[in-house]
Amino acid sequence: MTNLAIAAHGLHKSYGDKVVLDGIDITVPEGTVFSLLGPNGAGKTTAVKILSTLIGADAGDLRVGGHDLATDPQAVRASIGVTGQFSAVDGLITGEENMLLMADLHHLPKQEGRRVAA
C-alpha cells in the first residue's frame, strides 16, 4: 500500500454564504510532485491554508503526513514546511521579529515563542 503525503476527502470551506471549497478530494502519494492549478478564486490558497493548519476546514477527512488535521495539527506542522510565493516583510523586519513570526505561525504560546526565538 502506498503511503500518502496528503489525503483530503470531502474538504469543505465557506465564508458566510460564500462556498469556497465544496467537497474536494486530493490524494498525493509520498515522494511525488504535486501541483494545484486553477483560476483565480478557485480555492487553491484556501486549500493550502487548511492543509497547513493556518485555517480550519468546515468539513472533511483530512490527513497530512499520516496525521489527522482535526486531532493532531501540531504533528502536521512538525512534518511540513510551507513558504509563500512572495515575502513582503523580509527586508522590513529584524531576524528576531522573523523568528517570532515563525513561532506564531507554528501556534506556539507567546512565552514559548519568545523562549525559542531567544
PDB file of N, CA and C in Angstrom:
ATOM      1  N   MET A   1       0.844  -1.186   0.000  1.00  0.00           N
ATOM      2  CA  MET A   1       0.000   0.000   0.000  1.00  0.00           C
ATOM      3  C   MET A   1       0.888   1.247   0.000  1.00  0.00           C
ATOM      4  N   THR A   2       0.531   2.240  -0.799  1.00  0.00           N
ATOM      5  CA  THR A   2       1.281   3.481  -0.897  1.00  0.00           C
ATOM      6  C   THR A   2       0.935   4.399   0.270  1.00  0.00           C
ATOM      7  N   ASN A   3       1.976   4.935   0.920  1.00  0.00           N
ATOM      8  CA  ASN A   3       1.743   5.935   1.959  1.00  0.00           C
ATOM      9  C   ASN A   3       1.363   7.244   1.296  1.00  0.00           C
ATOM     10  N   LEU A   4       0.483   7.983   1.943  1.00  0.00           N
ATOM     11  CA  LEU A   4       0.002   9.234   1.373  1.00  0.00           C
ATOM     12  C   LEU A   4       0.595  10.427   2.108  1.00  0.00           C
ATOM     13  N   ALA A   5       1.101  11.379   1.347  1.00  0.00           N
ATOM     14  CA  ALA A   5       1.556  12.648   1.911  1.00  0.00           C
ATOM     15  C   ALA A   5       0.347  13.497   2.271  1.00  0.00           C
ATOM     16  N   ILE A   6      -0.652  13.484   1.391  1.00  0.00           N
ATOM     17  CA  ILE A   6      -1.896  14.237   1.610  1.00  0.00           C
ATOM     18  C   ILE A   6      -3.072  13.340   1.260  1.00  0.00           C
ATOM     19  N   ALA A   7      -4.045  13.287   2.151  1.00  0.00           N
ATOM     20  CA  ALA A   7      -5.301  12.590   1.888  1.00  0.00           C
ATOM     21  C   ALA A   7      -6.419  13.496   2.376  1.00  0.00           C
ATOM     22  N   ALA A   8      -7.095  14.141   1.454  1.00  0.00           N
ATOM     23  CA  ALA A   8      -8.201  15.044   1.793  1.00  0.00           C
ATOM     24  C   ALA A   8      -9.446  14.554   1.066  1.00  0.00           C
ATOM     25  N   HIS A   9     -10.470  14.261   1.830  1.00  0.00           N
ATOM     26  CA  HIS A   9     -11.710  13.755   1.249  1.00  0.00           C
ATOM     27  C   HIS A   9     -12.882  14.577   1.774  1.00  0.00           C
ATOM     28  N   GLY A  10     -13.641  15.147   0.855  1.00  0.00           N
ATOM     29  CA  GLY A  10     -14.812  15.929   1.240  1.00  0.00           C
ATOM     30  C   GLY A  10     -14.474  17.251   1.898  1.00  0.00           C
ATOM     31  N   LEU A  11     -13.406  17.900   1.446  1.00  0.00           N
ATOM     32  CA  LEU A  11     -12.964  19.170   2.033  1.00  0.00           C
ATOM     33  C   LEU A  11     -13.951  20.281   1.696  1.00  0.00           C
ATOM     34  N   HIS A  12     -14.495  20.881   2.749  1.00  0.00           N
ATOM     35  CA  HIS A  12     -15.457  21.981   2.613  1.00  0.00           C
ATOM     36  C   HIS A  12     -14.965  23.203   3.377  1.00  0.00           C
ATOM     37  N   LYS A  13     -15.200  24.383   2.786  1.00  0.00           N
ATOM     38  CA  LYS A  13     -14.920  25.646   3.482  1.00  0.00           C
ATOM     39  C   LYS A  13     -15.830  26.710   2.913  1.00  0.00           C
ATOM     40  N   SER A  14     -16.469  27.450   3.790  1.00  0.00           N
ATOM     41  CA  SER A  14     -17.317  28.583   3.408  1.00  0.00           C
ATOM     42  C   SER A  14     -16.953  29.783   4.261  1.00  0.00           C
ATOM     43  N   TYR A  15     -17.163  30.953   3.689  1.00  0.00           N
ATOM     44  CA  TYR A  15     -17.065  32.213   4.422  1.00  0.00           C
ATOM     45  C   TYR A  15     -18.448  32.839   4.338  1.00  0.00           C
ATOM     46  N   GLY A  16     -19.229  32.664   5.405  1.00  0.00           N
ATOM     47  CA  GLY A  16     -20.610  33.120   5.365  1.00  0.00           C
ATOM     48  C   GLY A  16     -21.370  32.325   4.316  1.00  0.00           C
ATOM     49  N   ASP A  17     -22.035  33.028   3.400  1.00  0.00           N
ATOM     50  CA  ASP A  17     -22.802  32.377   2.345  1.00  0.00           C
ATOM     51  C   ASP A  17     -21.944  31.967   1.155  1.00  0.00           C
ATOM     52  N   LYS A  18     -20.677  32.376   1.139  1.00  0.00           N
ATOM     53  CA  LYS A  18     -19.784  32.105   0.007  1.00  0.00           C
ATOM     54  C   LYS A  18     -19.095  30.753   0.194  1.00  0.00           C
ATOM     55  N   VAL A  19     -19.485  29.770  -0.607  1.00  0.00           N
ATOM     56  CA  VAL A  19     -18.841  28.456  -0.570  1.00  0.00           C
ATOM     57  C   VAL A  19     -17.551  28.545  -1.374  1.00  0.00           C
ATOM     58  N   VAL A  20     -16.430  28.239  -0.723  1.00  0.00           N
ATOM     59  CA  VAL A  20     -15.116  28.334  -1.363  1.00  0.00           C
ATOM     60  C   VAL A  20     -14.632  26.958  -1.812  1.00  0.00           C
ATOM     61  N   LEU A  21     -14.792  25.969  -0.957  1.00  0.00           N
ATOM     62  CA  LEU A  21     -14.436  24.586  -1.292  1.00  0.00           C
ATOM     63  C   LEU A  21     -15.668  23.722  -1.034  1.00  0.00           C
ATOM     64  N   ASP A  22     -16.092  22.997  -2.050  1.00  0.00           N
ATOM     65  CA  ASP A  22     -17.357  22.269  -1.969  1.00  0.00           C
ATOM     66  C   ASP A  22     -17.139  20.765  -2.109  1.00  0.00           C
ATOM     67  N   GLY A  23     -16.445  20.185  -1.130  1.00  0.00           N
ATOM     68  CA  GLY A  23     -16.269  18.742  -1.112  1.00  0.00           C
ATOM     69  C   GLY A  23     -15.165  18.234  -2.021  1.00  0.00           C
ATOM     70  N   ILE A  24     -14.016  18.914  -2.036  1.00  0.00           N
ATOM     71  CA  ILE A  24     -12.943  18.462  -2.927  1.00  0.00           C
ATOM     72  C   ILE A  24     -12.172  17.302  -2.297  1.00  0.00           C
ATOM     73  N   ASP A  25     -11.598  16.475  -3.171  1.00  0.00           N
ATOM     74  CA  ASP A  25     -10.769  15.348  -2.772  1.00  0.00           C
ATOM     75  C   ASP A  25      -9.379  15.536  -3.369  1.00  0.00           C
ATOM     76  N   ILE A  26      -8.357  15.335  -2.555  1.00  0.00           N
ATOM     77  CA  ILE A  26      -6.966  15.409  -3.014  1.00  0.00           C
ATOM     78  C   ILE A  26      -6.231  14.217  -2.404  1.00  0.00           C
ATOM     79  N   THR A  27      -5.556  13.456  -3.244  1.00  0.00           N
ATOM     80  CA  THR A  27      -4.743  12.341  -2.774  1.00  0.00           C
ATOM     81  C   THR A  27      -3.369  12.464  -3.411  1.00  0.00           C
ATOM     82  N   VAL A  28      -2.344  12.586  -2.575  1.00  0.00           N
ATOM     83  CA  VAL A  28      -0.972  12.752  -3.058  1.00  0.00           C
ATOM     84  C   VAL A  28      -0.093  11.695  -2.401  1.00  0.00           C
ATOM     85  N   PRO A  29       0.426  10.735  -3.183  1.00  0.00           N
ATOM     86  CA  PRO A  29       1.330   9.731  -2.609  1.00  0.00           C
ATOM     87  C   PRO A  29       2.646  10.363  -2.165  1.00  0.00           C
ATOM     88  N   GLU A  30       3.250   9.806  -1.108  1.00  0.00           N
ATOM     89  CA  GLU A  30       4.562  10.261  -0.656  1.00  0.00           C
ATOM     90  C   GLU A  30       5.564  10.152  -1.795  1.00  0.00           C
ATOM     91  N   GLY A  31       6.490  11.112  -1.852  1.00  0.00           N
ATOM     92  CA  GLY A  31       7.566  11.059  -2.830  1.00  0.00           C
ATOM     93  C   GLY A  31       7.198  11.531  -4.221  1.00  0.00           C
ATOM     94  N   THR A  32       6.009  12.095  -4.371  1.00  0.00           N
ATOM     95  CA  THR A  32       5.601  12.599  -5.682  1.00  0.00           C
ATOM     96  C   THR A  32       5.625  14.122  -5.690  1.00  0.00           C
ATOM     97  N   VAL A  33       5.595  14.671  -6.881  1.00  0.00           N
ATOM     98  CA  VAL A  33       5.472  16.116  -7.060  1.00  0.00           C
ATOM     99  C   VAL A  33       4.032  16.380  -7.438  1.00  0.00           C
ATOM    100  N   PHE A  34       3.422  17.343  -6.770  1.00  0.00           N
ATOM    101  CA  PHE A  34       2.008  17.635  -6.977  1.00  0.00           C
ATOM    102  C   PHE A  34       1.831  19.130  -7.215  1.00  0.00           C
ATOM    103  N   SER A  35       1.042  19.483  -8.192  1.00  0.00           N
ATOM    104  CA  SER A  35       0.728  20.895  -8.461  1.00  0.00           C
ATOM    105  C   SER A  35      -0.770  21.097  -8.335  1.00  0.00           C
ATOM    106  N   LEU A  36      -1.143  22.171  -7.706  1.00  0.00           N
ATOM    107  CA  LEU A  36      -2.547  22.530  -7.557  1.00  0.00           C
ATOM    108  C   LEU A  36      -2.795  23.750  -8.434  1.00  0.00           C
ATOM    109  N   LEU A  37      -3.458  23.539  -9.550  1.00  0.00           N
ATOM    110  CA  LEU A  37      -3.667  24.599 -10.529  1.00  0.00           C
ATOM    111  C   LEU A  37      -5.145  24.932 -10.655  1.00  0.00           C
ATOM    112  N   GLY A  38      -5.421  26.181 -10.965  1.00  0.00           N
ATOM    113  CA  GLY A  38      -6.795  26.609 -11.188  1.00  0.00           C
ATOM    114  C   GLY A  38      -6.856  28.105 -11.345  1.00  0.00           C
ATOM    115  N   PRO A  39      -7.987  28.605 -11.812  1.00  0.00           N
ATOM    116  CA  PRO A  39      -8.125  30.055 -11.999  1.00  0.00           C
ATOM    117  C   PRO A  39      -8.197  30.791 -10.669  1.00  0.00           C
ATOM    118  N   ASN A  40      -8.011  32.096 -10.728  1.00  0.00           N
ATOM    119  CA  ASN A  40      -8.155  32.931  -9.532  1.00  0.00           C
ATOM    120  C   ASN A  40      -9.526  32.686  -8.918  1.00  0.00           C
ATOM    121  N   GLY A  41      -9.542  32.557  -7.602  1.00  0.00           N
ATOM    122  CA  GLY A  41     -10.806  32.363  -6.900  1.00  0.00           C
ATOM    123  C   GLY A  41     -11.269  30.920  -6.836  1.00  0.00           C
ATOM    124  N   ALA A  42     -10.454  29.978  -7.313  1.00  0.00           N
ATOM    125  CA  ALA A  42     -10.862  28.572  -7.334  1.00  0.00           C
ATOM    126  C   ALA A  42     -10.737  27.897  -5.975  1.00  0.00           C
ATOM    127  N   GLY A  43     -10.009  28.512  -5.032  1.00  0.00           N
ATOM    128  CA  GLY A  43      -9.866  27.930  -3.703  1.00  0.00           C
ATOM    129  C   GLY A  43      -8.509  27.302  -3.433  1.00  0.00           C
ATOM    130  N   LYS A  44      -7.547  27.510  -4.324  1.00  0.00           N
ATOM    131  CA  LYS A  44      -6.208  26.913  -4.154  1.00  0.00           C
ATOM    132  C   LYS A  44      -5.555  27.375  -2.851  1.00  0.00           C
ATOM    133  N   THR A  45      -5.508  28.664  -2.630  1.00  0.00           N
ATOM    134  CA  THR A  45      -4.870  29.197  -1.425  1.00  0.00           C
ATOM    135  C   THR A  45      -5.612  28.746  -0.181  1.00  0.00           C
ATOM    136  N   THR A  46      -6.919  28.710  -0.229  1.00  0.00           N
ATOM    137  CA  THR A  46      -7.706  28.250   0.915  1.00  0.00           C
ATOM    138  C   THR A  46      -7.378  26.798   1.223  1.00  0.00           C
ATOM    139  N   ALA A  47      -7.280  25.953   0.213  1.00  0.00           N
ATOM    140  CA  ALA A  47      -6.945  24.542   0.425  1.00  0.00           C
ATOM    141  C   ALA A  47      -5.567  24.409   1.065  1.00  0.00           C
ATOM    142  N   VAL A  48      -4.587  25.156   0.567  1.00  0.00           N
ATOM    143  CA  VAL A  48      -3.233  25.089   1.128  1.00  0.00           C
ATOM    144  C   VAL A  48      -3.234  25.602   2.571  1.00  0.00           C
ATOM    145  N   LYS A  49      -3.955  26.676   2.842  1.00  0.00           N
ATOM    146  CA  LYS A  49      -4.021  27.197   4.216  1.00  0.00           C
ATOM    147  C   LYS A  49      -4.632  26.167   5.167  1.00  0.00           C
ATOM    148  N   ILE A  50      -5.651  25.460   4.703  1.00  0.00           N
ATOM    149  CA  ILE A  50      -6.268  24.436   5.543  1.00  0.00           C
ATOM    150  C   ILE A  50      -5.298  23.290   5.771  1.00  0.00           C
ATOM    151  N   LEU A  51      -4.692  22.784   4.697  1.00  0.00           N
ATOM    152  CA  LEU A  51      -3.801  21.629   4.804  1.00  0.00           C
ATOM    153  C   LEU A  51      -2.528  21.939   5.588  1.00  0.00           C
ATOM    154  N   SER A  52      -2.187  23.223   5.704  1.00  0.00           N
ATOM    155  CA  SER A  52      -1.016  23.604   6.505  1.00  0.00           C
ATOM    156  C   SER A  52      -1.415  24.114   7.890  1.00  0.00           C
ATOM    157  N   THR A  53      -2.655  23.947   8.265  1.00  0.00           N
ATOM    158  CA  THR A  53      -3.233  24.247   9.588  1.00  0.00           C
ATOM    159  C   THR A  53      -3.348  25.732   9.898  1.00  0.00           C
ATOM    160  N   LEU A  54      -3.237  26.592   8.888  1.00  0.00           N
ATOM    161  CA  LEU A  54      -3.361  28.028   9.155  1.00  0.00           C
ATOM    162  C   LEU A  54      -4.806  28.449   9.384  1.00  0.00           C
ATOM    163  N   ILE A  55      -5.740  27.756   8.737  1.00  0.00           N
ATOM    164  CA  ILE A  55      -7.170  27.978   8.980  1.00  0.00           C
ATOM    165  C   ILE A  55      -7.842  26.618   9.074  1.00  0.00           C
ATOM    166  N   GLY A  56      -9.020  26.591   9.646  1.00  0.00           N
ATOM    167  CA  GLY A  56      -9.740  25.332   9.799  1.00  0.00           C
ATOM    168  C   GLY A  56     -10.701  25.062   8.657  1.00  0.00           C
ATOM    169  N   ALA A  57     -10.948  23.796   8.423  1.00  0.00           N
ATOM    170  CA  ALA A  57     -11.949  23.378   7.439  1.00  0.00           C
ATOM    171  C   ALA A  57     -13.314  23.336   8.115  1.00  0.00           C
ATOM    172  N   ASP A  58     -14.353  23.455   7.323  1.00  0.00           N
ATOM    173  CA  ASP A  58     -15.705  23.291   7.847  1.00  0.00           C
ATOM    174  C   ASP A  58     -16.075  21.811   7.922  1.00  0.00           C
ATOM    175  N   ALA A  59     -15.527  21.011   7.007  1.00  0.00           N
ATOM    176  CA  ALA A  59     -15.802  19.573   6.991  1.00  0.00           C
ATOM    177  C   ALA A  59     -14.748  18.884   6.153  1.00  0.00           C
ATOM    178  N   GLY A  60     -14.644  17.583   6.350  1.00  0.00           N
ATOM    179  CA  GLY A  60     -13.744  16.772   5.554  1.00  0.00           C
ATOM    180  C   GLY A  60     -12.881  15.881   6.422  1.00  0.00           C
ATOM    181  N   ASP A  61     -12.418  14.796   5.827  1.00  0.00           N
ATOM    182  CA  ASP A  61     -11.471  13.895   6.467  1.00  0.00           C
ATOM    183  C   ASP A  61     -10.110  14.261   5.893  1.00  0.00           C
ATOM    184  N   LEU A  62      -9.248  14.876   6.708  1.00  0.00           N
ATOM    185  CA  LEU A  62      -8.009  15.475   6.220  1.00  0.00           C
ATOM    186  C   LEU A  62      -6.802  14.930   6.968  1.00  0.00           C
ATOM    187  N   ARG A  63      -5.843  14.408   6.209  1.00  0.00           N
ATOM    188  CA  ARG A  63      -4.613  13.882   6.789  1.00  0.00           C
ATOM    189  C   ARG A  63      -3.432  14.393   5.983  1.00  0.00           C
ATOM    190  N   VAL A  64      -2.397  14.821   6.694  1.00  0.00           N
ATOM    191  CA  VAL A  64      -1.145  15.256   6.065  1.00  0.00           C
ATOM    192  C   VAL A  64      -0.016  14.524   6.771  1.00  0.00           C
ATOM    193  N   GLY A  65       0.820  13.853   5.996  1.00  0.00           N
ATOM    194  CA  GLY A  65       1.905  13.080   6.589  1.00  0.00           C
ATOM    195  C   GLY A  65       1.414  11.999   7.519  1.00  0.00           C
ATOM    196  N   GLY A  66       0.208  11.516   7.283  1.00  0.00           N
ATOM    197  CA  GLY A  66      -0.382  10.485   8.127  1.00  0.00           C
ATOM    198  C   GLY A  66      -1.049  11.009   9.381  1.00  0.00           C
ATOM    199  N   HIS A  67      -1.010  12.332   9.595  1.00  0.00           N
ATOM    200  CA  HIS A  67      -1.575  12.937  10.799  1.00  0.00           C
ATOM    201  C   HIS A  67      -2.925  13.578  10.494  1.00  0.00           C
ATOM    202  N   ASP A  68      -3.874  13.379  11.377  1.00  0.00           N
ATOM    203  CA  ASP A  68      -5.210  13.944  11.229  1.00  0.00           C
ATOM    204  C   ASP A  68      -5.177  15.429  11.589  1.00  0.00           C
ATOM    205  N   LEU A  69      -5.617  16.285  10.667  1.00  0.00           N
ATOM    206  CA  LEU A  69      -5.599  17.730  10.917  1.00  0.00           C
ATOM    207  C   LEU A  69      -6.480  18.125  12.087  1.00  0.00           C
ATOM    208  N   ALA A  70      -7.605  17.438  12.259  1.00  0.00           N
ATOM    209  CA  ALA A  70      -8.540  17.819  13.317  1.00  0.00           C
ATOM    210  C   ALA A  70      -8.045  17.434  14.702  1.00  0.00           C
ATOM    211  N   THR A  71      -7.365  16.299  14.813  1.00  0.00           N
ATOM    212  CA  THR A  71      -6.984  15.809  16.142  1.00  0.00           C
ATOM    213  C   THR A  71      -5.515  16.019  16.483  1.00  0.00           C
ATOM    214  N   ASP A  72      -4.656  16.250  15.472  1.00  0.00           N
ATOM    215  CA  ASP A  72      -3.237  16.401  15.756  1.00  0.00           C
ATOM    216  C   ASP A  72      -2.574  17.437  14.843  1.00  0.00           C
ATOM    217  N   PRO A  73      -3.062  18.685  14.869  1.00  0.00           N
ATOM    218  CA  PRO A  73      -2.486  19.703  13.983  1.00  0.00           C
ATOM    219  C   PRO A  73      -1.014  19.988  14.265  1.00  0.00           C
ATOM    220  N   GLN A  74      -0.580  19.838  15.522  1.00  0.00           N
ATOM    221  CA  GLN A  74       0.833  20.100  15.833  1.00  0.00           C
ATOM    222  C   GLN A  74       1.740  19.092  15.135  1.00  0.00           C
ATOM    223  N   ALA A  75       1.315  17.840  15.027  1.00  0.00           N
ATOM    224  CA  ALA A  75       2.102  16.828  14.315  1.00  0.00           C
ATOM    225  C   ALA A  75       2.169  17.152  12.826  1.00  0.00           C
ATOM    226  N   VAL A  76       1.077  17.697  12.288  1.00  0.00           N
ATOM    227  CA  VAL A  76       1.094  18.123  10.879  1.00  0.00           C
ATOM    228  C   VAL A  76       2.127  19.226  10.714  1.00  0.00           C
ATOM    229  N   ARG A  77       2.075  20.238  11.579  1.00  0.00           N
ATOM    230  CA  ARG A  77       3.018  21.364  11.484  1.00  0.00           C
ATOM    231  C   ARG A  77       4.464  20.899  11.597  1.00  0.00           C
ATOM    232  N   ALA A  78       4.696  19.905  12.450  1.00  0.00           N
ATOM    233  CA  ALA A  78       6.055  19.410  12.646  1.00  0.00           C
ATOM    234  C   ALA A  78       6.567  18.633  11.435  1.00  0.00           C
ATOM    235  N   SER A  79       5.654  18.157  10.596  1.00  0.00           N
ATOM    236  CA  SER A  79       6.072  17.310   9.478  1.00  0.00           C
ATOM    237  C   SER A  79       6.113  18.039   8.136  1.00  0.00           C
ATOM    238  N   ILE A  80       5.737  19.321   8.109  1.00  0.00           N
ATOM    239  CA  ILE A  80       5.691  20.044   6.837  1.00  0.00           C
ATOM    240  C   ILE A  80       6.524  21.321   6.895  1.00  0.00           C
ATOM    241  N   GLY A  81       6.765  21.880   5.746  1.00  0.00           N
ATOM    242  CA  GLY A  81       7.351  23.202   5.608  1.00  0.00           C
ATOM    243  C   GLY A  81       6.541  23.957   4.575  1.00  0.00           C
ATOM    244  N   VAL A  82       6.208  25.191   4.848  1.00  0.00           N
ATOM    245  CA  VAL A  82       5.392  25.978   3.934  1.00  0.00           C
ATOM    246  C   VAL A  82       6.046  27.336   3.750  1.00  0.00           C
ATOM    247  N   THR A  83       6.113  27.772   2.525  1.00  0.00           N
ATOM    248  CA  THR A  83       6.599  29.113   2.246  1.00  0.00           C
ATOM    249  C   THR A  83       5.660  29.775   1.252  1.00  0.00           C
ATOM    250  N   GLY A  84       5.483  31.058   1.404  1.00  0.00           N
ATOM    251  CA  GLY A  84       4.617  31.783   0.490  1.00  0.00           C
ATOM    252  C   GLY A  84       5.309  32.070  -0.830  1.00  0.00           C
ATOM    253  N   GLN A  85       4.517  32.431  -1.807  1.00  0.00           N
ATOM    254  CA  GLN A  85       5.059  32.757  -3.124  1.00  0.00           C
ATOM    255  C   GLN A  85       5.877  34.038  -3.060  1.00  0.00           C
ATOM    256  N   PHE A  86       5.433  34.972  -2.255  1.00  0.00           N
ATOM    257  CA  PHE A  86       6.119  36.249  -2.091  1.00  0.00           C
ATOM    258  C   PHE A  86       6.299  36.511  -0.606  1.00  0.00           C
ATOM    259  N   SER A  87       7.384  37.135  -0.241  1.00  0.00           N
ATOM    260  CA  SER A  87       7.588  37.519   1.146  1.00  0.00           C
ATOM    261  C   SER A  87       7.841  39.018   1.172  1.00  0.00           C
ATOM    262  N   ALA A  88       6.848  39.757   1.568  1.00  0.00           N
ATOM    263  CA  ALA A  88       6.928  41.214   1.531  1.00  0.00           C
ATOM    264  C   ALA A  88       7.592  41.801   2.761  1.00  0.00           C
ATOM    265  N   VAL A  89       7.858  40.977   3.779  1.00  0.00           N
ATOM    266  CA  VAL A  89       8.368  41.535   5.030  1.00  0.00           C
ATOM    267  C   VAL A  89       9.844  41.253   5.265  1.00  0.00           C
ATOM    268  N   ASP A  90      10.500  40.452   4.439  1.00  0.00           N
ATOM    269  CA  ASP A  90      11.890  40.083   4.688  1.00  0.00           C
ATOM    270  C   ASP A  90      12.787  41.292   4.950  1.00  0.00           C
ATOM    271  N   GLY A  91      12.673  42.322   4.153  1.00  0.00           N
ATOM    272  CA  GLY A  91      13.522  43.490   4.323  1.00  0.00           C
ATOM    273  C   GLY A  91      12.999  44.494   5.321  1.00  0.00           C
ATOM    274  N   LEU A  92      11.859  44.202   5.923  1.00  0.00           N
ATOM    275  CA  LEU A  92      11.229  45.165   6.818  1.00  0.00           C
ATOM    276  C   LEU A  92      11.290  44.784   8.291  1.00  0.00           C
ATOM    277  N   ILE A  93      11.623  43.520   8.581  1.00  0.00           N
ATOM    278  CA  ILE A  93      11.641  43.101   9.981  1.00  0.00           C
ATOM    279  C   ILE A  93      13.022  42.549  10.334  1.00  0.00           C
ATOM    280  N   THR A  94      13.301  42.552  11.625  1.00  0.00           N
ATOM    281  CA  THR A  94      14.594  42.056  12.107  1.00  0.00           C
ATOM    282  C   THR A  94      14.584  40.528  12.136  1.00  0.00           C
ATOM    283  N   GLY A  95      15.750  39.942  12.353  1.00  0.00           N
ATOM    284  CA  GLY A  95      15.849  38.500  12.498  1.00  0.00           C
ATOM    285  C   GLY A  95      14.998  37.987  13.647  1.00  0.00           C
ATOM    286  N   GLU A  96      15.043  38.708  14.775  1.00  0.00           N
ATOM    287  CA  GLU A  96      14.238  38.300  15.932  1.00  0.00           C
ATOM    288  C   GLU A  96      12.745  38.363  15.606  1.00  0.00           C
ATOM    289  N   GLU A  97      12.321  39.422  14.932  1.00  0.00           N
ATOM    290  CA  GLU A  97      10.910  39.544  14.559  1.00  0.00           C
ATOM    291  C   GLU A  97      10.498  38.415  13.614  1.00  0.00           C
ATOM    292  N   ASN A  98      11.413  38.031  12.727  1.00  0.00           N
ATOM    293  CA  ASN A  98      11.133  36.929  11.825  1.00  0.00           C
ATOM    294  C   ASN A  98      10.953  35.629  12.613  1.00  0.00           C
ATOM    295  N   MET A  99      11.817  35.392  13.600  1.00  0.00           N
ATOM    296  CA  MET A  99      11.699  34.198  14.443  1.00  0.00           C
ATOM    297  C   MET A  99      10.385  34.200  15.225  1.00  0.00           C
ATOM    298  N   LEU A 100       9.993  35.357  15.740  1.00  0.00           N
ATOM    299  CA  LEU A 100       8.725  35.455  16.463  1.00  0.00           C
ATOM    300  C   LEU A 100       7.543  35.206  15.534  1.00  0.00           C
ATOM    301  N   LEU A 101       7.639  35.667  14.301  1.00  0.00           N
ATOM    302  CA  LEU A 101       6.595  35.418  13.310  1.00  0.00           C
ATOM    303  C   LEU A 101       6.476  33.917  13.053  1.00  0.00           C
ATOM    304  N   MET A 102       7.610  33.235  12.882  1.00  0.00           N
ATOM    305  CA  MET A 102       7.591  31.792  12.650  1.00  0.00           C
ATOM    306  C   MET A 102       7.011  31.046  13.855  1.00  0.00           C
ATOM    307  N   ALA A 103       7.348  31.491  15.059  1.00  0.00           N
ATOM    308  CA  ALA A 103       6.788  30.877  16.267  1.00  0.00           C
ATOM    309  C   ALA A 103       5.279  31.046  16.290  1.00  0.00           C
ATOM    310  N   ASP A 104       4.801  32.218  15.893  1.00  0.00           N
ATOM    311  CA  ASP A 104       3.367  32.477  15.846  1.00  0.00           C
ATOM    312  C   ASP A 104       2.695  31.597  14.798  1.00  0.00           C
ATOM    313  N   LEU A 105       3.321  31.453  13.633  1.00  0.00           N
ATOM    314  CA  LEU A 105       2.761  30.604  12.576  1.00  0.00           C
ATOM    315  C   LEU A 105       2.726  29.138  12.987  1.00  0.00           C
ATOM    316  N   HIS A 106       3.618  28.747  13.913  1.00  0.00           N
ATOM    317  CA  HIS A 106       3.601  27.387  14.434  1.00  0.00           C
ATOM    318  C   HIS A 106       2.670  27.256  15.641  1.00  0.00           C
ATOM    319  N   HIS A 107       1.932  28.326  15.935  1.00  0.00           N
ATOM    320  CA  HIS A 107       0.939  28.341  17.016  1.00  0.00           C
ATOM    321  C   HIS A 107       1.553  28.060  18.383  1.00  0.00           C
ATOM    322  N   LEU A 108       2.807  28.500  18.583  1.00  0.00           N
ATOM    323  CA  LEU A 108       3.406  28.359  19.904  1.00  0.00           C
ATOM    324  C   LEU A 108       2.810  29.407  20.842  1.00  0.00           C
ATOM    325  N   PRO A 109       2.630  29.079  22.102  1.00  0.00           N
ATOM    326  CA  PRO A 109       2.200  30.103  23.061  1.00  0.00           C
ATOM    327  C   PRO A 109       3.241  31.232  23.084  1.00  0.00           C
ATOM    328  N   LYS A 110       2.797  32.431  23.404  1.00  0.00           N
ATOM    329  CA  LYS A 110       3.665  33.608  23.329  1.00  0.00           C
ATOM    330  C   LYS A 110       4.968  33.424  24.110  1.00  0.00           C
ATOM    331  N   GLN A 111       4.889  32.939  25.356  1.00  0.00           N
ATOM    332  CA  GLN A 111       6.094  32.744  26.171  1.00  0.00           C
ATOM    333  C   GLN A 111       7.051  31.753  25.510  1.00  0.00           C
ATOM    334  N   GLU A 112       6.504  30.649  24.981  1.00  0.00           N
ATOM    335  CA  GLU A 112       7.333  29.633  24.340  1.00  0.00           C
ATOM    336  C   GLU A 112       7.971  30.195  23.069  1.00  0.00           C
ATOM    337  N   GLY A 113       7.219  30.978  22.312  1.00  0.00           N
ATOM    338  CA  GLY A 113       7.756  31.603  21.107  1.00  0.00           C
ATOM    339  C   GLY A 113       8.914  32.535  21.414  1.00  0.00           C
ATOM    340  N   ARG A 114       8.778  33.307  22.478  1.00  0.00           N
ATOM    341  CA  ARG A 114       9.866  34.206  22.882  1.00  0.00           C
ATOM    342  C   ARG A 114      11.100  33.429  23.328  1.00  0.00           C
ATOM    343  N   ARG A 115      10.864  32.314  24.058  1.00  0.00           N
ATOM    344  CA  ARG A 115      11.969  31.479  24.515  1.00  0.00           C
ATOM    345  C   ARG A 115      12.713  30.880  23.331  1.00  0.00           C
ATOM    346  N   VAL A 116      11.976  30.343  22.370  1.00  0.00           N
ATOM    347  CA  VAL A 116      12.588  29.713  21.199  1.00  0.00           C
ATOM    348  C   VAL A 116      13.337  30.746  20.360  1.00  0.00           C
ATOM    349  N   ALA A 117      12.748  31.919  20.179  1.00  0.00           N
ATOM    350  CA  ALA A 117      13.396  32.969  19.386  1.00  0.00           C
ATOM    351  C   ALA A 117      14.700  33.436  20.038  1.00  0.00           C
ATOM    352  N   ALA A 118      14.692  33.508  21.357  1.00  0.00           N
ATOM    353  CA  ALA A 118      15.904  33.944  22.071  1.00  0.00           C
ATOM    354  C   ALA A 118      17.008  32.919  21.906  1.00  0.00           C
TER     355      ALA A 118
END
